[in-house]
PDB file of N, CA and C in Angstrom:
ATOM      1  N   UNK A   1       5.051   8.524  -5.939  1.00  0.00           N
ATOM      2  CA  UNK A   1       6.477   8.517  -5.678  1.00  0.00           C
ATOM      3  C   UNK A   1       6.884   9.887  -5.114  1.00  0.00           C
ATOM      4  N   UNK A   2       7.661   9.865  -4.122  1.00  0.00           N
ATOM      5  CA  UNK A   2       8.052  11.148  -3.489  1.00  0.00           C
ATOM      6  C   UNK A   2       9.361  11.575  -4.032  1.00  0.00           C
ATOM      7  N   UNK A   3       9.441  13.034  -4.238  1.00  0.00           N
ATOM      8  CA  UNK A   3      10.606  13.575  -4.846  1.00  0.00           C
ATOM      9  C   UNK A   3      11.665  13.909  -3.660  1.00  0.00           C
ATOM     10  N   UNK A   4      12.873  13.654  -3.964  1.00  0.00           N
ATOM     11  CA  UNK A   4      14.006  13.998  -3.052  1.00  0.00           C
ATOM     12  C   UNK A   4      14.309  15.430  -3.049  1.00  0.00           C
ATOM     13  N   UNK A   5      14.489  15.871  -4.345  1.00  0.00           N
ATOM     14  CA  UNK A   5      14.857  17.377  -4.395  1.00  0.00           C
ATOM     15  C   UNK A   5      14.261  17.771  -5.852  1.00  0.00           C
ATOM     16  N   UNK A   6      13.641  18.842  -5.707  1.00  0.00           N
ATOM     17  CA  UNK A   6      12.855  19.568  -6.886  1.00  0.00           C
ATOM     18  C   UNK A   6      13.954  20.342  -7.658  1.00  0.00           C
ATOM     19  N   UNK A   7      13.810  20.505  -8.792  1.00  0.00           N
ATOM     20  CA  UNK A   7      14.684  21.297  -9.683  1.00  0.00           C
ATOM     21  C   UNK A   7      14.756  22.757  -9.270  1.00  0.00           C
ATOM     22  N   UNK A   8      15.901  23.201  -9.145  1.00  0.00           N
ATOM     23  CA  UNK A   8      16.294  24.597  -8.665  1.00  0.00           C
ATOM     24  C   UNK A   8      16.625  24.737  -7.236  1.00  0.00           C
ATOM     25  N   UNK A   9      16.407  23.586  -6.428  1.00  0.00           N
ATOM     26  CA  UNK A   9      16.581  23.517  -4.990  1.00  0.00           C
ATOM     27  C   UNK A   9      18.124  23.413  -4.689  1.00  0.00           C
ATOM     28  N   UNK A  10      18.551  23.684  -3.534  1.00  0.00           N
ATOM     29  CA  UNK A  10      19.931  23.379  -3.081  1.00  0.00           C
ATOM     30  C   UNK A  10      20.041  21.985  -2.402  1.00  0.00           C
ATOM     31  N   UNK A  11      21.323  21.531  -2.731  1.00  0.00           N
ATOM     32  CA  UNK A  11      21.636  20.113  -2.356  1.00  0.00           C
ATOM     33  C   UNK A  11      21.507  20.106  -0.674  1.00  0.00           C
ATOM     34  N   UNK A  12      21.840  21.199  -0.096  1.00  0.00           N
ATOM     35  CA  UNK A  12      21.802  21.069   1.390  1.00  0.00           C
ATOM     36  C   UNK A  12      20.395  20.815   1.986  1.00  0.00           C
ATOM     37  N   UNK A  13      19.393  21.151   1.116  1.00  0.00           N
ATOM     38  CA  UNK A  13      17.991  20.868   1.484  1.00  0.00           C
ATOM     39  C   UNK A  13      17.724  19.366   1.645  1.00  0.00           C
ATOM     40  N   UNK A  14      18.447  18.556   1.146  1.00  0.00           N
ATOM     41  CA  UNK A  14      18.315  17.120   1.207  1.00  0.00           C
ATOM     42  C   UNK A  14      18.247  16.529   2.495  1.00  0.00           C
ATOM     43  N   UNK A  15      17.471  15.590   2.936  1.00  0.00           N
ATOM     44  CA  UNK A  15      17.456  14.891   4.215  1.00  0.00           C
ATOM     45  C   UNK A  15      18.576  14.051   4.459  1.00  0.00           C
ATOM     46  N   UNK A  16      19.110  13.786   5.536  1.00  0.00           N
ATOM     47  CA  UNK A  16      20.106  12.797   5.796  1.00  0.00           C
ATOM     48  C   UNK A  16      19.513  11.427   5.726  1.00  0.00           C
ATOM     49  N   UNK A  17      20.187  10.522   5.354  1.00  0.00           N
ATOM     50  CA  UNK A  17      19.755   9.140   5.037  1.00  0.00           C
ATOM     51  C   UNK A  17      20.727   8.180   5.928  1.00  0.00           C
ATOM     52  N   UNK A  18      19.992   7.218   6.599  1.00  0.00           N
ATOM     53  CA  UNK A  18      20.747   6.306   7.426  1.00  0.00           C
ATOM     54  C   UNK A  18      20.232   4.734   6.977  1.00  0.00           C
ATOM     55  N   UNK A  19      21.055   3.948   6.630  1.00  0.00           N
ATOM     56  CA  UNK A  19      20.771   2.627   6.385  1.00  0.00           C
ATOM     57  C   UNK A  19      21.235   1.775   7.531  1.00  0.00           C
ATOM     58  N   UNK A  20      20.351   0.982   8.260  1.00  0.00           N
ATOM     59  CA  UNK A  20      20.746   0.225   9.477  1.00  0.00           C
ATOM     60  C   UNK A  20      20.625  -1.275   9.074  1.00  0.00           C
ATOM     61  N   UNK A  21      21.643  -1.842   9.373  1.00  0.00           N
ATOM     62  CA  UNK A  21      21.758  -3.369   9.181  1.00  0.00           C
ATOM     63  C   UNK A  21      21.964  -3.989  10.353  1.00  0.00           C
ATOM     64  N   UNK A  22      21.127  -4.874  10.787  1.00  0.00           N
ATOM     65  CA  UNK A  22      21.366  -5.726  11.895  1.00  0.00           C
ATOM     66  C   UNK A  22      21.934  -7.141  11.518  1.00  0.00           C
ATOM     67  N   UNK A  23      23.153  -7.352  12.026  1.00  0.00           N
ATOM     68  CA  UNK A  23      23.749  -8.544  11.598  1.00  0.00           C
ATOM     69  C   UNK A  23      24.149  -9.615  12.605  1.00  0.00           C
ATOM     70  N   UNK A  24      23.896 -10.893  12.288  1.00  0.00           N
ATOM     71  CA  UNK A  24      24.169 -11.924  13.300  1.00  0.00           C
ATOM     72  C   UNK A  24      25.635 -12.317  13.192  1.00  0.00           C
ATOM     73  N   UNK A  25      26.430 -11.737  12.373  1.00  0.00           N
ATOM     74  CA  UNK A  25      27.889 -11.962  12.244  1.00  0.00           C
ATOM     75  C   UNK A  25      28.635 -10.689  12.187  1.00  0.00           C
ATOM     76  N   UNK A  26      29.873 -10.619  12.532  1.00  0.00           N
ATOM     77  CA  UNK A  26      30.646  -9.475  12.490  1.00  0.00           C
ATOM     78  C   UNK A  26      31.254  -9.077  11.115  1.00  0.00           C
ATOM     79  N   UNK A  27      30.676  -8.088  10.398  1.00  0.00           N
ATOM     80  CA  UNK A  27      31.134  -7.769   9.025  1.00  0.00           C
ATOM     81  C   UNK A  27      32.477  -7.221   8.938  1.00  0.00           C
ATOM     82  N   UNK A  28      33.079  -6.963  10.000  1.00  0.00           N
ATOM     83  CA  UNK A  28      34.466  -6.275   9.918  1.00  0.00           C
ATOM     84  C   UNK A  28      35.522  -7.019  10.756  1.00  0.00           C
ATOM     85  N   UNK A  29      35.074  -7.954  11.555  1.00  0.00           N
ATOM     86  CA  UNK A  29      35.864  -8.827  12.408  1.00  0.00           C
ATOM     87  C   UNK A  29      36.613  -8.198  13.573  1.00  0.00           C
ATOM     88  N   UNK A  30      36.028  -6.966  13.961  1.00  0.00           N
ATOM     89  CA  UNK A  30      36.587  -6.288  15.204  1.00  0.00           C
ATOM     90  C   UNK A  30      35.836  -6.459  16.406  1.00  0.00           C
ATOM     91  N   UNK A  31      34.764  -7.118  16.426  1.00  0.00           N
ATOM     92  CA  UNK A  31      33.930  -7.483  17.637  1.00  0.00           C
ATOM     93  C   UNK A  31      33.177  -6.178  18.400  1.00  0.00           C
ATOM     94  N   UNK A  32      32.861  -5.203  17.436  1.00  0.00           N
ATOM     95  CA  UNK A  32      32.243  -4.040  17.949  1.00  0.00           C
ATOM     96  C   UNK A  32      30.863  -4.275  17.757  1.00  0.00           C
ATOM     97  N   UNK A  33      29.945  -3.850  18.762  1.00  0.00           N
ATOM     98  CA  UNK A  33      28.521  -3.874  18.716  1.00  0.00           C
ATOM     99  C   UNK A  33      27.913  -2.960  17.336  1.00  0.00           C
ATOM    100  N   UNK A  34      28.659  -1.918  17.065  1.00  0.00           N
ATOM    101  CA  UNK A  34      28.066  -0.909  16.093  1.00  0.00           C
ATOM    102  C   UNK A  34      29.391  -0.442  15.249  1.00  0.00           C
ATOM    103  N   UNK A  35      29.120  -0.307  14.017  1.00  0.00           N
ATOM    104  CA  UNK A  35      30.157   0.370  13.152  1.00  0.00           C
ATOM    105  C   UNK A  35      29.253   1.332  12.235  1.00  0.00           C
ATOM    106  N   UNK A  36      29.812   2.527  12.231  1.00  0.00           N
ATOM    107  CA  UNK A  36      29.275   3.551  11.429  1.00  0.00           C
ATOM    108  C   UNK A  36      30.084   3.792  10.298  1.00  0.00           C
ATOM    109  N   UNK A  37      29.551   3.810   9.058  1.00  0.00           N
ATOM    110  CA  UNK A  37      30.335   3.858   7.824  1.00  0.00           C
ATOM    111  C   UNK A  37      29.721   5.165   7.136  1.00  0.00           C
ATOM    112  N   UNK A  38      30.595   6.053   6.711  1.00  0.00           N
ATOM    113  CA  UNK A  38      30.449   7.187   5.915  1.00  0.00           C
ATOM    114  C   UNK A  38      31.122   7.318   4.686  1.00  0.00           C
ATOM    115  N   UNK A  39      30.758   8.047   3.597  1.00  0.00           N
ATOM    116  CA  UNK A  39      31.410   8.221   2.432  1.00  0.00           C
ATOM    117  C   UNK A  39      32.658   9.174   2.707  1.00  0.00           C
ATOM    118  N   UNK A  40      33.588   9.004   1.709  1.00  0.00           N
ATOM    119  CA  UNK A  40      34.709   9.783   1.777  1.00  0.00           C
ATOM    120  C   UNK A  40      35.415   9.940   0.275  1.00  0.00           C
ATOM    121  N   UNK A  41      36.071  10.873   0.042  1.00  0.00           N
ATOM    122  CA  UNK A  41      36.868  10.996  -1.249  1.00  0.00           C
ATOM    123  C   UNK A  41      38.075  10.127  -1.299  1.00  0.00           C
ATOM    124  N   UNK A  42      38.161   9.233  -2.222  1.00  0.00           N
ATOM    125  CA  UNK A  42      39.351   8.217  -2.211  1.00  0.00           C
ATOM    126  C   UNK A  42      40.665   8.904  -2.500  1.00  0.00           C
ATOM    127  N   UNK A  43      40.557   9.897  -3.478  1.00  0.00           N
ATOM    128  CA  UNK A  43      41.892  10.486  -3.906  1.00  0.00           C
ATOM    129  C   UNK A  43      42.446  11.513  -2.745  1.00  0.00           C
ATOM    130  N   UNK A  44      41.495  12.122  -1.912  1.00  0.00           N
ATOM    131  CA  UNK A  44      41.868  12.943  -0.911  1.00  0.00           C
ATOM    132  C   UNK A  44      41.200  12.577   0.478  1.00  0.00           C
ATOM    133  N   UNK A  45      41.773  11.632   1.155  1.00  0.00           N
ATOM    134  CA  UNK A  45      40.922  11.004   2.192  1.00  0.00           C
ATOM    135  C   UNK A  45      40.905  12.036   3.353  1.00  0.00           C
ATOM    136  N   UNK A  46      41.776  13.007   3.514  1.00  0.00           N
ATOM    137  CA  UNK A  46      41.680  13.917   4.580  1.00  0.00           C
ATOM    138  C   UNK A  46      40.757  15.033   4.453  1.00  0.00           C
ATOM    139  N   UNK A  47      40.206  15.166   3.055  1.00  0.00           N
ATOM    140  CA  UNK A  47      39.251  16.287   2.685  1.00  0.00           C
ATOM    141  C   UNK A  47      37.919  15.930   3.445  1.00  0.00           C
ATOM    142  N   UNK A  48      37.410  16.876   3.947  1.00  0.00           N
ATOM    143  CA  UNK A  48      36.067  16.641   4.684  1.00  0.00           C
ATOM    144  C   UNK A  48      35.075  16.583   3.637  1.00  0.00           C
ATOM    145  N   UNK A  49      34.122  15.558   3.883  1.00  0.00           N
ATOM    146  CA  UNK A  49      33.018  15.381   2.812  1.00  0.00           C
ATOM    147  C   UNK A  49      31.789  14.809   3.629  1.00  0.00           C
ATOM    148  N   UNK A  50      30.819  15.537   3.707  1.00  0.00           N
ATOM    149  CA  UNK A  50      29.528  15.223   4.354  1.00  0.00           C
ATOM    150  C   UNK A  50      28.478  15.177   3.437  1.00  0.00           C
ATOM    151  N   UNK A  51      27.869  14.054   3.035  1.00  0.00           N
ATOM    152  CA  UNK A  51      26.839  13.979   2.046  1.00  0.00           C
ATOM    153  C   UNK A  51      25.429  13.630   2.748  1.00  0.00           C
ATOM    154  N   UNK A  52      25.559  13.537   4.002  1.00  0.00           N
ATOM    155  CA  UNK A  52      24.302  13.198   4.755  1.00  0.00           C
ATOM    156  C   UNK A  52      23.970  11.650   4.891  1.00  0.00           C
ATOM    157  N   UNK A  53      24.747  10.898   4.291  1.00  0.00           N
ATOM    158  CA  UNK A  53      24.545   9.383   4.163  1.00  0.00           C
ATOM    159  C   UNK A  53      25.349   8.570   5.242  1.00  0.00           C
ATOM    160  N   UNK A  54      24.754   7.593   5.902  1.00  0.00           N
ATOM    161  CA  UNK A  54      25.488   6.905   6.856  1.00  0.00           C
ATOM    162  C   UNK A  54      24.941   5.436   6.841  1.00  0.00           C
ATOM    163  N   UNK A  55      25.742   4.437   7.066  1.00  0.00           N
ATOM    164  CA  UNK A  55      25.385   3.072   7.025  1.00  0.00           C
ATOM    165  C   UNK A  55      25.793   2.512   8.422  1.00  0.00           C
ATOM    166  N   UNK A  56      24.853   2.095   9.200  1.00  0.00           N
ATOM    167  CA  UNK A  56      25.051   1.506  10.498  1.00  0.00           C
ATOM    168  C   UNK A  56      25.041   0.104  10.461  1.00  0.00           C
ATOM    169  N   UNK A  57      26.001  -0.673  10.970  1.00  0.00           N
ATOM    170  CA  UNK A  57      26.050  -2.044  10.995  1.00  0.00           C
ATOM    171  C   UNK A  57      26.033  -2.479  12.536  1.00  0.00           C
ATOM    172  N   UNK A  58      24.902  -3.105  13.009  1.00  0.00           N
ATOM    173  CA  UNK A  58      24.668  -3.540  14.455  1.00  0.00           C
ATOM    174  C   UNK A  58      24.992  -4.916  14.534  1.00  0.00           C
ATOM    175  N   UNK A  59      26.115  -5.345  15.165  1.00  0.00           N
ATOM    176  CA  UNK A  59      26.348  -6.722  15.230  1.00  0.00           C
ATOM    177  C   UNK A  59      25.925  -7.234  16.677  1.00  0.00           C
ATOM    178  N   UNK A  60      25.020  -8.192  16.496  1.00  0.00           N
ATOM    179  CA  UNK A  60      24.184  -8.576  17.685  1.00  0.00           C
ATOM    180  C   UNK A  60      25.098  -9.351  18.772  1.00  0.00           C
ATOM    181  N   UNK A  61      26.178  -9.765  18.412  1.00  0.00           N
ATOM    182  CA  UNK A  61      26.938 -10.560  19.346  1.00  0.00           C
ATOM    183  C   UNK A  61      28.295  -9.790  19.593  1.00  0.00           C
ATOM    184  N   UNK A  62      28.259  -8.523  19.342  1.00  0.00           N
ATOM    185  CA  UNK A  62      29.535  -7.791  19.671  1.00  0.00           C
ATOM    186  C   UNK A  62      29.666  -7.637  21.081  1.00  0.00           C
ATOM    187  N   UNK A  63      31.043  -7.490  21.609  1.00  0.00           N
ATOM    188  CA  UNK A  63      31.111  -7.157  22.894  1.00  0.00           C
ATOM    189  C   UNK A  63      31.905  -5.849  23.243  1.00  0.00           C
ATOM    190  N   UNK A  64      32.425  -5.267  22.189  1.00  0.00           N
ATOM    191  CA  UNK A  64      32.965  -3.813  22.388  1.00  0.00           C
ATOM    192  C   UNK A  64      31.792  -2.882  22.403  1.00  0.00           C
ATOM    193  N   UNK A  65      31.613  -2.176  23.514  1.00  0.00           N
ATOM    194  CA  UNK A  65      30.476  -1.299  23.638  1.00  0.00           C
ATOM    195  C   UNK A  65      30.742   0.185  23.550  1.00  0.00           C
ATOM    196  N   UNK A  66      31.670   0.448  22.767  1.00  0.00           N
ATOM    197  CA  UNK A  66      31.980   1.936  22.572  1.00  0.00           C
ATOM    198  C   UNK A  66      30.835   2.740  22.277  1.00  0.00           C
ATOM    199  N   UNK A  67      29.830   2.504  21.517  1.00  0.00           N
ATOM    200  CA  UNK A  67      28.747   3.305  21.252  1.00  0.00           C
ATOM    201  C   UNK A  67      27.860   3.487  22.410  1.00  0.00           C
ATOM    202  N   UNK A  68      27.669   2.419  23.217  1.00  0.00           N
ATOM    203  CA  UNK A  68      26.839   2.526  24.329  1.00  0.00           C
ATOM    204  C   UNK A  68      27.498   3.392  25.464  1.00  0.00           C
ATOM    205  N   UNK A  69      28.857   3.293  25.585  1.00  0.00           N
ATOM    206  CA  UNK A  69      29.642   4.231  26.473  1.00  0.00           C
ATOM    207  C   UNK A  69      29.503   5.703  26.039  1.00  0.00           C
ATOM    208  N   UNK A  70      29.545   6.041  24.674  1.00  0.00           N
ATOM    209  CA  UNK A  70      29.397   7.313  24.249  1.00  0.00           C
ATOM    210  C   UNK A  70      27.974   7.785  24.638  1.00  0.00           C
ATOM    211  N   UNK A  71      27.050   7.018  24.489  1.00  0.00           N
ATOM    212  CA  UNK A  71      25.478   7.497  24.885  1.00  0.00           C
ATOM    213  C   UNK A  71      25.426   7.555  26.341  1.00  0.00           C
ATOM    214  N   UNK A  72      25.899   6.835  27.033  1.00  0.00           N
ATOM    215  CA  UNK A  72      25.937   6.950  28.485  1.00  0.00           C
ATOM    216  C   UNK A  72      26.687   8.204  29.094  1.00  0.00           C
ATOM    217  N   UNK A  73      27.743   8.637  28.298  1.00  0.00           N
ATOM    218  CA  UNK A  73      28.467   9.758  28.911  1.00  0.00           C
ATOM    219  C   UNK A  73      27.791  11.028  28.354  1.00  0.00           C
ATOM    220  N   UNK A  74      27.261  10.952  27.190  1.00  0.00           N
ATOM    221  CA  UNK A  74      26.615  12.245  26.652  1.00  0.00           C
ATOM    222  C   UNK A  74      24.982  12.272  27.157  1.00  0.00           C
ATOM    223  N   UNK A  75      24.543  11.247  27.420  1.00  0.00           N
ATOM    224  CA  UNK A  75      23.048  11.192  27.560  1.00  0.00           C
ATOM    225  C   UNK A  75      22.195  10.903  26.310  1.00  0.00           C
ATOM    226  N   UNK A  76      21.039  10.672  26.401  1.00  0.00           N
ATOM    227  CA  UNK A  76      20.148  10.437  25.207  1.00  0.00           C
ATOM    228  C   UNK A  76      20.075  11.517  24.081  1.00  0.00           C
ATOM    229  N   UNK A  77      20.061  12.707  24.677  1.00  0.00           N
ATOM    230  CA  UNK A  77      19.992  13.888  23.824  1.00  0.00           C
ATOM    231  C   UNK A  77      21.327  14.564  23.348  1.00  0.00           C
ATOM    232  N   UNK A  78      22.365  13.680  23.655  1.00  0.00           N
ATOM    233  CA  UNK A  78      23.803  14.317  23.388  1.00  0.00           C
ATOM    234  C   UNK A  78      24.235  15.261  24.315  1.00  0.00           C
ATOM    235  N   UNK A  79      23.718  15.433  25.402  1.00  0.00           N
ATOM    236  CA  UNK A  79      24.013  16.416  26.293  1.00  0.00           C
ATOM    237  C   UNK A  79      24.756  15.725  27.561  1.00  0.00           C
ATOM    238  N   UNK A  80      25.690  16.394  28.151  1.00  0.00           N
ATOM    239  CA  UNK A  80      26.555  15.760  29.249  1.00  0.00           C
ATOM    240  C   UNK A  80      25.950  16.253  30.563  1.00  0.00           C
TER     241      UNK A  80
END
């Protein structure tokens, strides 16, 4: 078994985690090809909170291509 973080190490040494779910139905009903979901603090929703975890929902029949437009405008390496 691999250890995620050894005793005495800093939390910022943890690697980011992405869960990718390919869906034949739209889990949120907005017809997007991709939804990116991240954690937040419920009591303080404006508070910035980055724990390195993301869940990507890829809807195979979505028609809104916002994600593809972002990739096209920035290029594959995030450069314009």
